């Protein structure tokens, strides 16, 4: 991976989104495993309603992507030699 702006952006977004996808997978499996508990607390929707699960998952992915973009933009502005010299 090179230190050009595209490489820095891809590196930071890739690492951040990997963690988000793992967490989202664990969360979906846990939610599906706890459907009996969840079903007693919902009104008007099934606990395993695919549209709700997809909308919430999509919203969480969007928020996580935006949260990863802010540090990535900051890291793209730093000169590579300056960052190495600082270390």
PDB file of N, CA and C in Angstrom:
ATOM      1  N   UNK A   1       0.855  -1.173   0.000  1.00  0.00           N
ATOM      2  CA  UNK A   1       0.000   0.000   0.000  1.00  0.00           C
ATOM      3  C   UNK A   1       0.898   1.232   0.000  1.00  0.00           C
ATOM      4  N   UNK A   2       0.618   2.150  -0.882  1.00  0.00           N
ATOM      5  CA  UNK A   2       1.439   3.352  -0.951  1.00  0.00           C
ATOM      6  C   UNK A   2       0.840   4.457  -0.092  1.00  0.00           C
ATOM      7  N   UNK A   3       1.598   5.516   0.056  1.00  0.00           N
ATOM      8  CA  UNK A   3       1.186   6.598   0.959  1.00  0.00           C
ATOM      9  C   UNK A   3       0.461   7.714   0.223  1.00  0.00           C
ATOM     10  N   UNK A   4       0.006   7.449  -0.978  1.00  0.00           N
ATOM     11  CA  UNK A   4      -0.781   8.469  -1.665  1.00  0.00           C
ATOM     12  C   UNK A   4      -2.142   8.586  -1.006  1.00  0.00           C
ATOM     13  N   UNK A   5      -2.850   9.651  -1.298  1.00  0.00           N
ATOM     14  CA  UNK A   5      -4.115   9.913  -0.614  1.00  0.00           C
ATOM     15  C   UNK A   5      -5.127   8.793  -0.819  1.00  0.00           C
ATOM     16  N   UNK A   6      -5.181   8.214  -2.004  1.00  0.00           N
ATOM     17  CA  UNK A   6      -6.111   7.117  -2.253  1.00  0.00           C
ATOM     18  C   UNK A   6      -5.773   5.882  -1.434  1.00  0.00           C
ATOM     19  N   UNK A   7      -4.483   5.617  -1.275  1.00  0.00           N
ATOM     20  CA  UNK A   7      -4.060   4.473  -0.479  1.00  0.00           C
ATOM     21  C   UNK A   7      -4.365   4.650   0.996  1.00  0.00           C
ATOM     22  N   UNK A   8      -4.170   5.855   1.496  1.00  0.00           N
ATOM     23  CA  UNK A   8      -4.464   6.151   2.904  1.00  0.00           C
ATOM     24  C   UNK A   8      -5.967   6.038   3.153  1.00  0.00           C
ATOM     25  N   UNK A   9      -6.749   6.590   2.244  1.00  0.00           N
ATOM     26  CA  UNK A   9      -8.204   6.518   2.378  1.00  0.00           C
ATOM     27  C   UNK A   9      -8.681   5.067   2.373  1.00  0.00           C
ATOM     28  N   UNK A  10      -8.187   4.276   1.431  1.00  0.00           N
ATOM     29  CA  UNK A  10      -8.595   2.873   1.339  1.00  0.00           C
ATOM     30  C   UNK A  10      -8.179   2.090   2.581  1.00  0.00           C
ATOM     31  N   UNK A  11      -7.002   2.364   3.102  1.00  0.00           N
ATOM     32  CA  UNK A  11      -6.519   1.662   4.281  1.00  0.00           C
ATOM     33  C   UNK A  11      -7.388   1.952   5.506  1.00  0.00           C
ATOM     34  N   UNK A  12      -7.662   3.204   5.763  1.00  0.00           N
ATOM     35  CA  UNK A  12      -8.433   3.575   6.948  1.00  0.00           C
ATOM     36  C   UNK A  12      -9.882   3.127   6.826  1.00  0.00           C
ATOM     37  N   UNK A  13     -10.490   3.353   5.669  1.00  0.00           N
ATOM     38  CA  UNK A  13     -11.871   2.915   5.490  1.00  0.00           C
ATOM     39  C   UNK A  13     -11.981   1.392   5.531  1.00  0.00           C
ATOM     40  N   UNK A  14     -11.030   0.703   4.934  1.00  0.00           N
ATOM     41  CA  UNK A  14     -11.054  -0.764   4.936  1.00  0.00           C
ATOM     42  C   UNK A  14     -10.958  -1.341   6.328  1.00  0.00           C
ATOM     43  N   UNK A  15     -10.032  -0.823   7.124  1.00  0.00           N
ATOM     44  CA  UNK A  15      -9.881  -1.332   8.492  1.00  0.00           C
ATOM     45  C   UNK A  15     -11.102  -1.017   9.341  1.00  0.00           C
ATOM     46  N   UNK A  16     -11.633   0.172   9.205  1.00  0.00           N
ATOM     47  CA  UNK A  16     -12.804   0.550   9.987  1.00  0.00           C
ATOM     48  C   UNK A  16     -14.038  -0.251   9.610  1.00  0.00           C
ATOM     49  N   UNK A  17     -14.256  -0.437   8.323  1.00  0.00           N
ATOM     50  CA  UNK A  17     -15.450  -1.140   7.883  1.00  0.00           C
ATOM     51  C   UNK A  17     -15.367  -2.649   8.159  1.00  0.00           C
ATOM     52  N   UNK A  18     -14.171  -3.213   8.203  1.00  0.00           N
ATOM     53  CA  UNK A  18     -14.041  -4.625   8.587  1.00  0.00           C
ATOM     54  C   UNK A  18     -14.567  -4.840  10.003  1.00  0.00           C
ATOM     55  N   UNK A  19     -14.182  -3.954  10.906  1.00  0.00           N
ATOM     56  CA  UNK A  19     -14.663  -4.053  12.290  1.00  0.00           C
ATOM     57  C   UNK A  19     -16.175  -3.868  12.367  1.00  0.00           C
ATOM     58  N   UNK A  20     -16.696  -2.950  11.589  1.00  0.00           N
ATOM     59  CA  UNK A  20     -18.132  -2.697  11.594  1.00  0.00           C
ATOM     60  C   UNK A  20     -18.893  -3.917  11.076  1.00  0.00           C
ATOM     61  N   UNK A  21     -18.415  -4.525  10.012  1.00  0.00           N
ATOM     62  CA  UNK A  21     -19.093  -5.687   9.440  1.00  0.00           C
ATOM     63  C   UNK A  21     -19.064  -6.880  10.390  1.00  0.00           C
ATOM     64  N   UNK A  22     -17.948  -7.082  11.080  1.00  0.00           N
ATOM     65  CA  UNK A  22     -17.878  -8.164  12.067  1.00  0.00           C
ATOM     66  C   UNK A  22     -18.871  -7.896  13.197  1.00  0.00           C
ATOM     67  N   UNK A  23     -18.892  -6.676  13.698  1.00  0.00           N
ATOM     68  CA  UNK A  23     -19.822  -6.322  14.762  1.00  0.00           C
ATOM     69  C   UNK A  23     -21.272  -6.427  14.324  1.00  0.00           C
ATOM     70  N   UNK A  24     -21.544  -6.055  13.106  1.00  0.00           N
ATOM     71  CA  UNK A  24     -22.903  -6.139  12.600  1.00  0.00           C
ATOM     72  C   UNK A  24     -23.337  -7.595  12.434  1.00  0.00           C
ATOM     73  N   UNK A  25     -22.440  -8.439  11.994  1.00  0.00           N
ATOM     74  CA  UNK A  25     -22.758  -9.859  11.876  1.00  0.00           C
ATOM     75  C   UNK A  25     -23.061 -10.484  13.225  1.00  0.00           C
ATOM     76  N   UNK A  26     -22.229 -10.183  14.207  1.00  0.00           N
ATOM     77  CA  UNK A  26     -22.458 -10.698  15.565  1.00  0.00           C
ATOM     78  C   UNK A  26     -23.783 -10.160  16.108  1.00  0.00           C
ATOM     79  N   UNK A  27     -24.056  -8.899  15.871  1.00  0.00           N
ATOM     80  CA  UNK A  27     -25.297  -8.297  16.347  1.00  0.00           C
ATOM     81  C   UNK A  27     -26.534  -8.909  15.712  1.00  0.00           C
ATOM     82  N   UNK A  28     -26.479  -9.163  14.403  1.00  0.00           N
ATOM     83  CA  UNK A  28     -27.625  -9.780  13.727  1.00  0.00           C
ATOM     84  C   UNK A  28     -27.862 -11.207  14.219  1.00  0.00           C
ATOM     85  N   UNK A  29     -26.794 -11.958  14.401  1.00  0.00           N
ATOM     86  CA  UNK A  29     -26.929 -13.331  14.905  1.00  0.00           C
ATOM     87  C   UNK A  29     -27.509 -13.313  16.318  1.00  0.00           C
ATOM     88  N   UNK A  30     -27.040 -12.401  17.140  1.00  0.00           N
ATOM     89  CA  UNK A  30     -27.556 -12.288  18.508  1.00  0.00           C
ATOM     90  C   UNK A  30     -29.025 -11.861  18.503  1.00  0.00           C
ATOM     91  N   UNK A  31     -29.374 -10.910  17.643  1.00  0.00           N
ATOM     92  CA  UNK A  31     -30.766 -10.454  17.564  1.00  0.00           C
ATOM     93  C   UNK A  31     -31.685 -11.579  17.120  1.00  0.00           C
ATOM     94  N   UNK A  32     -31.238 -12.365  16.151  1.00  0.00           N
ATOM     95  CA  UNK A  32     -32.055 -13.479  15.699  1.00  0.00           C
ATOM     96  C   UNK A  32     -32.157 -14.560  16.776  1.00  0.00           C
ATOM     97  N   UNK A  33     -31.112 -14.709  17.571  1.00  0.00           N
ATOM     98  CA  UNK A  33     -31.140 -15.687  18.649  1.00  0.00           C
ATOM     99  C   UNK A  33     -32.039 -15.278  19.809  1.00  0.00           C
ATOM    100  N   UNK A  34     -32.258 -13.998  19.967  1.00  0.00           N
ATOM    101  CA  UNK A  34     -33.074 -13.499  21.076  1.00  0.00           C
ATOM    102  C   UNK A  34     -34.459 -13.034  20.627  1.00  0.00           C
ATOM    103  N   UNK A  35     -34.978 -13.627  19.557  1.00  0.00           N
ATOM    104  CA  UNK A  35     -36.255 -13.156  18.999  1.00  0.00           C
ATOM    105  C   UNK A  35     -37.417 -13.307  19.967  1.00  0.00           C
ATOM    106  N   UNK A  36     -37.408 -14.308  20.823  1.00  0.00           N
ATOM    107  CA  UNK A  36     -38.526 -14.464  21.769  1.00  0.00           C
ATOM    108  C   UNK A  36     -38.573 -13.293  22.746  1.00  0.00           C
ATOM    109  N   UNK A  37     -37.417 -12.876  23.229  1.00  0.00           N
ATOM    110  CA  UNK A  37     -37.378 -11.735  24.139  1.00  0.00           C
ATOM    111  C   UNK A  37     -37.763 -10.448  23.421  1.00  0.00           C
ATOM    112  N   UNK A  38     -37.259 -10.294  22.220  1.00  0.00           N
ATOM    113  CA  UNK A  38     -37.535  -9.086  21.446  1.00  0.00           C
ATOM    114  C   UNK A  38     -39.002  -9.018  21.040  1.00  0.00           C
ATOM    115  N   UNK A  39     -39.593 -10.142  20.667  1.00  0.00           N
ATOM    116  CA  UNK A  39     -40.977 -10.166  20.186  1.00  0.00           C
ATOM    117  C   UNK A  39     -41.952  -9.670  21.251  1.00  0.00           C
ATOM    118  N   UNK A  40     -41.666  -9.929  22.504  1.00  0.00           N
ATOM    119  CA  UNK A  40     -42.578  -9.484  23.555  1.00  0.00           C
ATOM    120  C   UNK A  40     -42.519  -7.966  23.759  1.00  0.00           C
ATOM    121  N   UNK A  41     -41.523  -7.306  23.239  1.00  0.00           N
ATOM    122  CA  UNK A  41     -41.366  -5.864  23.432  1.00  0.00           C
ATOM    123  C   UNK A  41     -41.752  -5.036  22.197  1.00  0.00           C
ATOM    124  N   UNK A  42     -42.081  -5.701  21.103  1.00  0.00           N
ATOM    125  CA  UNK A  42     -42.428  -4.994  19.872  1.00  0.00           C
ATOM    126  C   UNK A  42     -43.937  -4.958  19.681  1.00  0.00           C
ATOM    127  N   UNK A  43     -44.402  -3.900  19.066  1.00  0.00           N
ATOM    128  CA  UNK A  43     -45.830  -3.767  18.784  1.00  0.00           C
ATOM    129  C   UNK A  43     -45.999  -3.510  17.291  1.00  0.00           C
ATOM    130  N   UNK A  44     -46.691  -4.391  16.627  1.00  0.00           N
ATOM    131  CA  UNK A  44     -47.010  -4.185  15.219  1.00  0.00           C
ATOM    132  C   UNK A  44     -45.960  -4.669  14.225  1.00  0.00           C
ATOM    133  N   UNK A  45     -44.849  -5.203  14.694  1.00  0.00           N
ATOM    134  CA  UNK A  45     -43.814  -5.713  13.793  1.00  0.00           C
ATOM    135  C   UNK A  45     -43.344  -7.069  14.316  1.00  0.00           C
ATOM    136  N   UNK A  46     -42.956  -7.926  13.394  1.00  0.00           N
ATOM    137  CA  UNK A  46     -42.372  -9.211  13.788  1.00  0.00           C
ATOM    138  C   UNK A  46     -40.911  -8.987  14.169  1.00  0.00           C
ATOM    139  N   UNK A  47     -40.415  -9.795  15.069  1.00  0.00           N
ATOM    140  CA  UNK A  47     -39.030  -9.642  15.528  1.00  0.00           C
ATOM    141  C   UNK A  47     -38.025  -9.962  14.426  1.00  0.00           C
ATOM    142  N   UNK A  48     -38.436 -10.746  13.457  1.00  0.00           N
ATOM    143  CA  UNK A  48     -37.527 -11.121  12.359  1.00  0.00           C
ATOM    144  C   UNK A  48     -37.955 -10.477  11.045  1.00  0.00           C
ATOM    145  N   UNK A  49     -38.576  -9.321  11.101  1.00  0.00           N
ATOM    146  CA  UNK A  49     -39.012  -8.621   9.896  1.00  0.00           C
ATOM    147  C   UNK A  49     -37.789  -8.220   9.074  1.00  0.00           C
ATOM    148  N   UNK A  50     -37.638  -8.781   7.863  1.00  0.00           N
ATOM    149  CA  UNK A  50     -36.431  -8.503   7.067  1.00  0.00           C
ATOM    150  C   UNK A  50     -36.260  -7.040   6.692  1.00  0.00           C
ATOM    151  N   UNK A  51     -37.357  -6.330   6.433  1.00  0.00           N
ATOM    152  CA  UNK A  51     -37.211  -4.929   6.028  1.00  0.00           C
ATOM    153  C   UNK A  51     -36.656  -4.082   7.177  1.00  0.00           C
ATOM    154  N   UNK A  52     -37.079  -4.357   8.402  1.00  0.00           N
ATOM    155  CA  UNK A  52     -36.567  -3.612   9.556  1.00  0.00           C
ATOM    156  C   UNK A  52     -35.088  -3.934   9.769  1.00  0.00           C
ATOM    157  N   UNK A  53     -34.743  -5.217   9.704  1.00  0.00           N
ATOM    158  CA  UNK A  53     -33.343  -5.600   9.893  1.00  0.00           C
ATOM    159  C   UNK A  53     -32.446  -4.982   8.821  1.00  0.00           C
ATOM    160  N   UNK A  54     -32.912  -4.965   7.573  1.00  0.00           N
ATOM    161  CA  UNK A  54     -32.117  -4.375   6.492  1.00  0.00           C
ATOM    162  C   UNK A  54     -31.993  -2.856   6.638  1.00  0.00           C
ATOM    163  N   UNK A  55     -33.073  -2.198   7.018  1.00  0.00           N
ATOM    164  CA  UNK A  55     -33.020  -0.730   7.185  1.00  0.00           C
ATOM    165  C   UNK A  55     -32.088  -0.336   8.322  1.00  0.00           C
ATOM    166  N   UNK A  56     -32.182  -1.028   9.441  1.00  0.00           N
ATOM    167  CA  UNK A  56     -31.323  -0.701  10.577  1.00  0.00           C
ATOM    168  C   UNK A  56     -29.869  -1.020  10.249  1.00  0.00           C
ATOM    169  N   UNK A  57     -29.627  -2.153   9.582  1.00  0.00           N
ATOM    170  CA  UNK A  57     -28.258  -2.506   9.203  1.00  0.00           C
ATOM    171  C   UNK A  57     -27.670  -1.489   8.239  1.00  0.00           C
ATOM    172  N   UNK A  58     -28.480  -1.063   7.275  1.00  0.00           N
ATOM    173  CA  UNK A  58     -28.024  -0.056   6.324  1.00  0.00           C
ATOM    174  C   UNK A  58     -27.723   1.274   6.982  1.00  0.00           C
ATOM    175  N   UNK A  59     -28.578   1.674   7.909  1.00  0.00           N
ATOM    176  CA  UNK A  59     -28.356   2.928   8.630  1.00  0.00           C
ATOM    177  C   UNK A  59     -27.073   2.862   9.456  1.00  0.00           C
ATOM    178  N   UNK A  60     -26.846   1.745  10.126  1.00  0.00           N
ATOM    179  CA  UNK A  60     -25.619   1.589  10.910  1.00  0.00           C
ATOM    180  C   UNK A  60     -24.381   1.593  10.018  1.00  0.00           C
ATOM    181  N   UNK A  61     -24.462   0.964   8.848  1.00  0.00           N
ATOM    182  CA  UNK A  61     -23.330   0.999   7.919  1.00  0.00           C
ATOM    183  C   UNK A  61     -23.045   2.419   7.441  1.00  0.00           C
ATOM    184  N   UNK A  62     -24.085   3.175   7.156  1.00  0.00           N
ATOM    185  CA  UNK A  62     -23.908   4.553   6.704  1.00  0.00           C
ATOM    186  C   UNK A  62     -23.267   5.414   7.788  1.00  0.00           C
ATOM    187  N   UNK A  63     -23.734   5.290   9.015  1.00  0.00           N
ATOM    188  CA  UNK A  63     -23.167   6.062  10.124  1.00  0.00           C
ATOM    189  C   UNK A  63     -21.708   5.671  10.350  1.00  0.00           C
ATOM    190  N   UNK A  64     -21.408   4.367  10.286  1.00  0.00           N
ATOM    191  CA  UNK A  64     -20.029   3.907  10.473  1.00  0.00           C
ATOM    192  C   UNK A  64     -19.124   4.406   9.350  1.00  0.00           C
ATOM    193  N   UNK A  65     -19.628   4.433   8.131  1.00  0.00           N
ATOM    194  CA  UNK A  65     -18.840   4.936   7.007  1.00  0.00           C
ATOM    195  C   UNK A  65     -18.524   6.415   7.193  1.00  0.00           C
ATOM    196  N   UNK A  66     -19.501   7.182   7.623  1.00  0.00           N
ATOM    197  CA  UNK A  66     -19.250   8.597   7.895  1.00  0.00           C
ATOM    198  C   UNK A  66     -18.266   8.779   9.045  1.00  0.00           C
ATOM    199  N   UNK A  67     -18.364   7.923  10.057  1.00  0.00           N
ATOM    200  CA  UNK A  67     -17.447   8.016  11.190  1.00  0.00           C
ATOM    201  C   UNK A  67     -16.027   7.641  10.789  1.00  0.00           C
ATOM    202  N   UNK A  68     -15.867   6.783   9.801  1.00  0.00           N
ATOM    203  CA  UNK A  68     -14.529   6.418   9.317  1.00  0.00           C
ATOM    204  C   UNK A  68     -13.975   7.473   8.362  1.00  0.00           C
ATOM    205  N   UNK A  69     -14.847   8.219   7.703  1.00  0.00           N
ATOM    206  CA  UNK A  69     -14.386   9.216   6.725  1.00  0.00           C
ATOM    207  C   UNK A  69     -13.695  10.396   7.388  1.00  0.00           C
ATOM    208  N   UNK A  70     -14.146  10.787   8.568  1.00  0.00           N
ATOM    209  CA  UNK A  70     -13.540  11.954   9.225  1.00  0.00           C
ATOM    210  C   UNK A  70     -12.061  11.726   9.554  1.00  0.00           C
ATOM    211  N   UNK A  71     -11.661  10.628  10.204  1.00  0.00           N
ATOM    212  CA  UNK A  71     -10.227  10.408  10.431  1.00  0.00           C
ATOM    213  C   UNK A  71      -9.464  10.166   9.135  1.00  0.00           C
ATOM    214  N   UNK A  72     -10.118   9.561   8.143  1.00  0.00           N
ATOM    215  CA  UNK A  72      -9.445   9.317   6.870  1.00  0.00           C
ATOM    216  C   UNK A  72      -9.119  10.626   6.171  1.00  0.00           C
ATOM    217  N   UNK A  73     -10.041  11.573   6.191  1.00  0.00           N
ATOM    218  CA  UNK A  73      -9.770  12.881   5.575  1.00  0.00           C
ATOM    219  C   UNK A  73      -8.632  13.598   6.289  1.00  0.00           C
ATOM    220  N   UNK A  74      -8.604  13.484   7.619  1.00  0.00           N
ATOM    221  CA  UNK A  74      -7.536  14.119   8.387  1.00  0.00           C
ATOM    222  C   UNK A  74      -6.187  13.463   8.068  1.00  0.00           C
ATOM    223  N   UNK A  75      -6.179  12.149   7.942  1.00  0.00           N
ATOM    224  CA  UNK A  75      -4.931  11.435   7.664  1.00  0.00           C
ATOM    225  C   UNK A  75      -4.433  11.703   6.243  1.00  0.00           C
ATOM    226  N   UNK A  76      -5.332  11.967   5.312  1.00  0.00           N
ATOM    227  CA  UNK A  76      -4.912  12.243   3.934  1.00  0.00           C
ATOM    228  C   UNK A  76      -4.181  13.577   3.831  1.00  0.00           C
ATOM    229  N   UNK A  77      -4.441  14.492   4.749  1.00  0.00           N
ATOM    230  CA  UNK A  77      -3.808  15.811   4.687  1.00  0.00           C
ATOM    231  C   UNK A  77      -2.391  15.827   5.237  1.00  0.00           C
ATOM    232  N   UNK A  78      -2.018  14.793   5.988  1.00  0.00           N
ATOM    233  CA  UNK A  78      -0.697  14.755   6.618  1.00  0.00           C
ATOM    234  C   UNK A  78       0.336  14.287   5.598  1.00  0.00           C
ATOM    235  N   UNK A  79       1.443  14.994   5.533  1.00  0.00           N
ATOM    236  CA  UNK A  79       2.543  14.590   4.666  1.00  0.00           C
ATOM    237  C   UNK A  79       3.203  13.344   5.259  1.00  0.00           C
ATOM    238  N   UNK A  80       3.501  12.354   4.412  1.00  0.00           N
ATOM    239  CA  UNK A  80       4.061  11.078   4.885  1.00  0.00           C
ATOM    240  C   UNK A  80       5.420  11.275   5.554  1.00  0.00           C
ATOM    241  N   UNK A  81       6.279  12.098   4.996  1.00  0.00           N
ATOM    242  CA  UNK A  81       7.606  12.318   5.581  1.00  0.00           C
ATOM    243  C   UNK A  81       7.492  13.034   6.931  1.00  0.00           C
ATOM    244  N   UNK A  82       6.563  13.940   7.031  1.00  0.00           N
ATOM    245  CA  UNK A  82       6.363  14.641   8.298  1.00  0.00           C
ATOM    246  C   UNK A  82       5.865  13.675   9.387  1.00  0.00           C
ATOM    247  N   UNK A  83       4.969  12.778   9.004  1.00  0.00           N
ATOM    248  CA  UNK A  83       4.454  11.797   9.964  1.00  0.00           C
ATOM    249  C   UNK A  83       5.554  10.846  10.421  1.00  0.00           C
ATOM    250  N   UNK A  84       6.408  10.426   9.500  1.00  0.00           N
ATOM    251  CA  UNK A  84       7.528   9.538   9.859  1.00  0.00           C
ATOM    252  C   UNK A  84       8.537  10.262  10.736  1.00  0.00           C
ATOM    253  N   UNK A  85       8.784  11.518  10.451  1.00  0.00           N
ATOM    254  CA  UNK A  85       9.720  12.294  11.245  1.00  0.00           C
ATOM    255  C   UNK A  85       9.195  12.487  12.662  1.00  0.00           C
ATOM    256  N   UNK A  86       7.885  12.608  12.803  1.00  0.00           N
ATOM    257  CA  UNK A  86       7.263  12.792  14.114  1.00  0.00           C
ATOM    258  C   UNK A  86       7.393  11.545  14.971  1.00  0.00           C
ATOM    259  N   UNK A  87       7.357  10.364  14.345  1.00  0.00           N
ATOM    260  CA  UNK A  87       7.478   9.095  15.069  1.00  0.00           C
ATOM    261  C   UNK A  87       8.873   9.019  15.637  1.00  0.00           C
TER     262      UNK A  87
END
